């Protein structure tokens, strides 16, 4: 079944490809016309893209997509929009979508900031997930971190009143930065006293479980739109 929200057109840039396995490439070729949404510099109607009225959750940078697929599969009453530029991750998630018959997930393979700026109307989202973004651990690279005040200001405006922004990291220093940045935004309110317990919808990854056994921490930061 072709997806009307996915239309191939000429691009003026090159997406970061990475090495695709044969299975990932096949999943891309077969899956993007069904579950992909092509980037366009114009607002999109999320209800039309998913074919129904339901809570809409954005995930920025889903990596290989394992957790994303599990969240969508176990929360069928919500619709999930994943944005990722890395082709192997997109291919792997599309493979999981096909294998698990997940119908409430759409994918945009494009830079998330441009998607936020041009495609997502203000007040259109019920939630936003940013799980384990690159920590850029060296101090001179901290300016490259995703969680910065300008991005959070953009994201806050995309949330409905009462909608949530959920970040998670296994780097304590980055977790403190996340908490400070989100706390400084006047449109957001912390849902917890400091860090939040891991919600049931966020699956415990194998990497995370192994780290916890070794005494490593994981921190969740969850704020809601005032």
Protein backbone atom coordinates (compact mmCIF):
# COMPACT_ATOMS: atom_id res chain seq x y z
CA UNK A 1 0.00 0.00 0.00
CA UNK A 2 1.53 3.30 -1.11
CA UNK A 3 1.66 6.10 1.45
CA UNK A 4 0.41 9.43 -0.01
CA UNK A 5 2.67 11.32 2.43
CA UNK A 6 5.74 9.82 0.73
CA UNK A 7 6.57 11.20 -2.68
CA UNK A 8 10.03 10.95 -4.21
CA UNK A 9 11.50 14.20 -5.47
CA UNK A 10 14.89 15.69 -6.28
CA UNK A 11 16.96 16.67 -3.25
CA UNK A 12 19.49 19.50 -3.07
CA UNK A 13 21.57 17.72 -0.43
CA UNK A 14 23.01 14.29 0.32
CA UNK A 15 21.87 12.37 3.39
CA UNK A 16 24.46 10.58 5.52
CA UNK A 17 24.26 7.02 4.23
CA UNK A 18 26.52 4.74 6.26
CA UNK A 19 26.85 1.06 5.39
CA UNK A 20 23.52 -0.61 4.66
CA UNK A 21 23.14 -4.36 4.83
CA UNK A 22 21.20 -6.02 2.03
CA UNK A 23 18.25 -6.51 4.40
CA UNK A 24 18.31 -2.86 5.47
CA UNK A 25 18.45 -1.67 1.86
CA UNK A 26 15.53 -3.93 0.93
CA UNK A 27 13.59 -2.64 3.94
CA UNK A 28 14.28 0.94 2.81
CA UNK A 29 13.21 0.25 -0.76
CA UNK A 30 10.01 -1.51 0.28
CA UNK A 31 9.23 0.33 3.51
CA UNK A 32 9.72 4.02 2.79
CA UNK A 33 6.88 4.18 0.24
CA UNK A 34 4.62 2.60 2.88
CA UNK A 35 5.74 4.17 6.15
CA UNK A 36 7.99 7.05 5.10
CA UNK A 37 7.15 10.73 4.93
CA UNK A 38 9.20 12.77 2.49
CA UNK A 39 10.65 16.02 3.81
CA UNK A 40 8.92 19.13 2.53
CA UNK A 41 9.44 22.69 3.73
CA UNK A 42 5.76 23.12 4.53
CA UNK A 43 3.48 22.22 7.48
CA UNK A 44 2.12 18.68 7.47
CA UNK A 45 -1.19 17.34 8.74
CA UNK A 46 -0.24 14.59 11.18
CA UNK A 47 -3.75 13.11 11.30
CA UNK A 48 -3.68 12.69 7.52
CA UNK A 49 -0.19 11.19 7.60
CA UNK A 50 -1.32 8.49 10.04
CA UNK A 51 -4.87 8.17 8.78
CA UNK A 52 -6.49 8.71 12.16
CA UNK A 53 -6.92 10.97 15.18
CA UNK A 54 -4.64 9.80 18.01
CA UNK A 55 -1.94 11.26 20.29
CA UNK A 56 1.17 12.10 18.24
CA UNK A 57 4.66 11.49 19.67
CA UNK A 58 7.87 12.69 17.95
CA UNK A 59 11.14 10.82 18.44
CA UNK A 60 14.34 12.62 17.47
CA UNK A 61 17.31 10.40 16.56
CA UNK A 62 16.07 6.84 17.06
CA UNK A 63 19.41 5.15 16.27
CA UNK A 64 18.82 1.57 15.13
CA UNK A 65 15.15 1.86 16.10
CA UNK A 66 14.82 -1.16 18.39
CA UNK A 67 13.36 0.81 21.30
CA UNK A 68 11.20 2.88 18.94
CA UNK A 69 9.62 -0.23 17.46
CA UNK A 70 8.93 -1.67 20.91
CA UNK A 71 7.34 1.56 22.15
CA UNK A 72 5.07 1.81 19.09
CA UNK A 73 4.13 -1.87 19.27
CA UNK A 74 3.26 -1.77 22.98
CA UNK A 75 1.42 1.59 22.80
CA UNK A 76 -0.96 1.07 19.85
CA UNK A 77 -3.25 3.94 20.88
CA UNK A 78 -0.49 6.48 20.10
CA UNK A 79 1.09 7.42 16.78
CA UNK A 80 4.87 7.80 16.58
CA UNK A 81 6.92 9.90 14.16
CA UNK A 82 10.61 8.99 14.09
CA UNK A 83 13.16 11.37 12.57
CA UNK A 84 16.66 10.08 11.79
CA UNK A 85 19.33 10.83 9.17
CA UNK A 86 21.38 7.63 9.49
CA UNK A 87 20.30 5.23 6.75
CA UNK A 88 21.23 1.93 8.49
CA UNK A 89 19.05 2.92 11.45
CA UNK A 90 16.18 3.86 9.18
CA UNK A 91 16.54 0.59 7.28
CA UNK A 92 16.67 -1.44 10.48
CA UNK A 93 13.58 0.23 11.92
CA UNK A 94 11.66 -0.30 8.68
CA UNK A 95 12.66 -3.97 8.82
CA UNK A 96 11.27 -4.21 12.37
CA UNK A 97 8.07 -2.42 11.34
CA UNK A 98 7.48 -4.98 8.59
CA UNK A 99 8.38 -7.98 10.73
CA UNK A 100 6.21 -6.89 13.68
CA UNK A 101 3.35 -5.44 11.61
CA UNK A 102 3.56 -2.06 13.31
CA UNK A 103 0.99 0.34 11.85
CA UNK A 104 1.29 3.40 14.13
CA UNK A 105 4.80 4.51 13.13
CA UNK A 106 6.00 6.85 10.38
CA UNK A 107 9.58 7.83 9.52
CA UNK A 108 11.20 10.96 8.11
CA UNK A 109 14.81 10.55 6.97
CA UNK A 110 15.99 14.11 7.33
CA UNK A 111 17.60 16.61 9.70
CA UNK A 112 15.34 16.94 12.74
CA UNK A 113 15.76 20.70 13.14
CA UNK A 114 14.47 21.35 9.61
CA UNK A 115 11.55 19.00 10.22
CA UNK A 116 10.72 20.87 13.44
CA UNK A 117 11.06 24.27 11.80
CA UNK A 118 9.10 23.59 8.63
CA UNK A 119 6.87 20.52 8.96
CA UNK A 120 5.46 20.42 12.49
CA UNK A 121 2.77 22.98 13.37
CA UNK A 122 2.86 24.64 16.78
CA UNK A 123 0.77 22.79 19.36
CA UNK A 124 0.59 19.61 17.25
CA UNK A 125 2.45 17.11 19.47
CA UNK A 126 1.42 15.22 22.59
CA UNK A 127 4.96 14.12 23.39
CA UNK A 128 8.61 14.24 22.30
CA UNK A 129 11.27 11.59 22.95
CA UNK A 130 15.03 12.22 22.81
CA UNK A 131 16.72 9.08 24.10
CA UNK A 132 20.49 8.75 24.52
CA UNK A 133 21.61 11.53 22.18
CA UNK A 134 25.34 11.71 21.43
CA UNK A 135 26.92 13.00 24.68
CA UNK A 136 29.94 14.62 23.00
CA UNK A 137 31.89 13.99 26.22
CA UNK A 138 34.90 16.24 25.53
CA UNK A 139 34.31 19.72 26.93
CA UNK A 140 35.34 21.44 23.70
CA UNK A 141 32.60 19.48 21.90
CA UNK A 142 29.76 20.31 24.31
CA UNK A 143 28.49 22.98 21.91
CA UNK A 144 27.59 20.14 19.52
CA UNK A 145 25.18 18.56 21.98
CA UNK A 146 21.58 18.37 20.84
CA UNK A 147 20.00 19.53 24.09
CA UNK A 148 20.55 23.28 24.00
CA UNK A 149 18.21 26.15 24.91
CA UNK A 150 17.38 27.19 21.30
CA UNK A 151 16.21 23.69 20.34
CA UNK A 152 14.20 23.25 23.53
CA UNK A 153 12.47 26.57 22.84
CA UNK A 154 11.46 25.29 19.39
CA UNK A 155 10.24 21.96 20.80
CA UNK A 156 8.20 23.55 23.61
CA UNK A 157 6.13 25.45 21.04
CA UNK A 158 5.33 22.23 19.14
CA UNK A 159 3.78 20.63 22.25
CA UNK A 160 0.14 20.87 23.17
CA UNK A 161 -0.66 22.16 26.65
CA UNK A 162 0.10 19.24 28.95
CA UNK A 163 2.27 17.53 26.35
CA UNK A 164 5.60 16.13 27.54
CA UNK A 165 9.27 16.30 26.57
CA UNK A 166 11.25 13.25 27.68
CA UNK A 167 15.05 13.09 27.48
CA UNK A 168 17.24 10.24 28.71
CA UNK A 169 21.02 9.79 28.93
CA UNK A 170 23.60 7.59 30.58
CA UNK A 171 26.07 10.48 31.01
CA UNK A 172 25.49 12.13 34.40
CA UNK A 173 27.06 15.45 33.43
CA UNK A 174 24.88 15.63 30.31
CA UNK A 175 21.86 14.73 32.43
CA UNK A 176 22.58 17.73 34.64
CA UNK A 177 22.82 19.92 31.54
CA UNK A 178 19.47 18.56 30.28
CA UNK A 179 17.85 19.34 33.62
CA UNK A 180 19.26 22.87 33.66
CA UNK A 181 18.31 23.64 30.05
CA UNK A 182 14.74 22.38 30.38
CA UNK A 183 14.32 24.09 33.77
CA UNK A 184 15.32 27.41 32.23
CA UNK A 185 12.45 27.31 29.72
CA UNK A 186 9.45 29.15 31.14
CA UNK A 187 6.98 27.22 28.98
CA UNK A 188 7.97 23.90 30.57
CA UNK A 189 7.44 22.47 34.06
CA UNK A 190 9.31 19.55 35.60
CA UNK A 191 7.09 16.51 36.13
CA UNK A 192 9.32 15.33 38.99
CA UNK A 193 11.49 16.72 41.77
CA UNK A 194 14.67 16.67 39.72
CA UNK A 195 15.16 13.52 37.67
CA UNK A 196 12.17 11.31 36.89
CA UNK A 197 11.80 7.53 37.30
CA UNK A 198 11.93 5.62 34.01
CA UNK A 199 8.35 5.44 32.66
CA UNK A 200 6.98 2.03 31.74
CA UNK A 201 6.76 3.00 28.06
CA UNK A 202 10.54 3.47 27.73
CA UNK A 203 12.00 -0.03 27.37
CA UNK A 204 15.13 -1.06 29.21
CA UNK A 205 17.68 -1.72 26.44
CA UNK A 206 20.25 -4.52 26.69
CA UNK A 207 23.01 -1.90 26.79
CA UNK A 208 21.24 -0.04 29.60
CA UNK A 209 20.56 -3.21 31.61
CA UNK A 210 24.19 -4.24 31.32
CA UNK A 211 25.31 -0.79 32.45
CA UNK A 212 23.01 -0.83 35.46
CA UNK A 213 24.46 -4.20 36.52
CA UNK A 214 27.91 -2.60 36.33
CA UNK A 215 26.77 0.29 38.50
CA UNK A 216 26.31 2.82 35.70
CA UNK A 217 23.46 5.27 35.96
CA UNK A 218 20.72 6.31 33.55
CA UNK A 219 18.84 9.56 34.02
CA UNK A 220 15.39 10.52 32.71
CA UNK A 221 14.27 14.13 32.46
CA UNK A 222 10.55 14.68 31.80
CA UNK A 223 8.95 18.12 31.52
CA UNK A 224 5.43 19.11 30.46
CA UNK A 225 4.14 22.11 28.53
CA UNK A 226 2.44 24.64 30.82
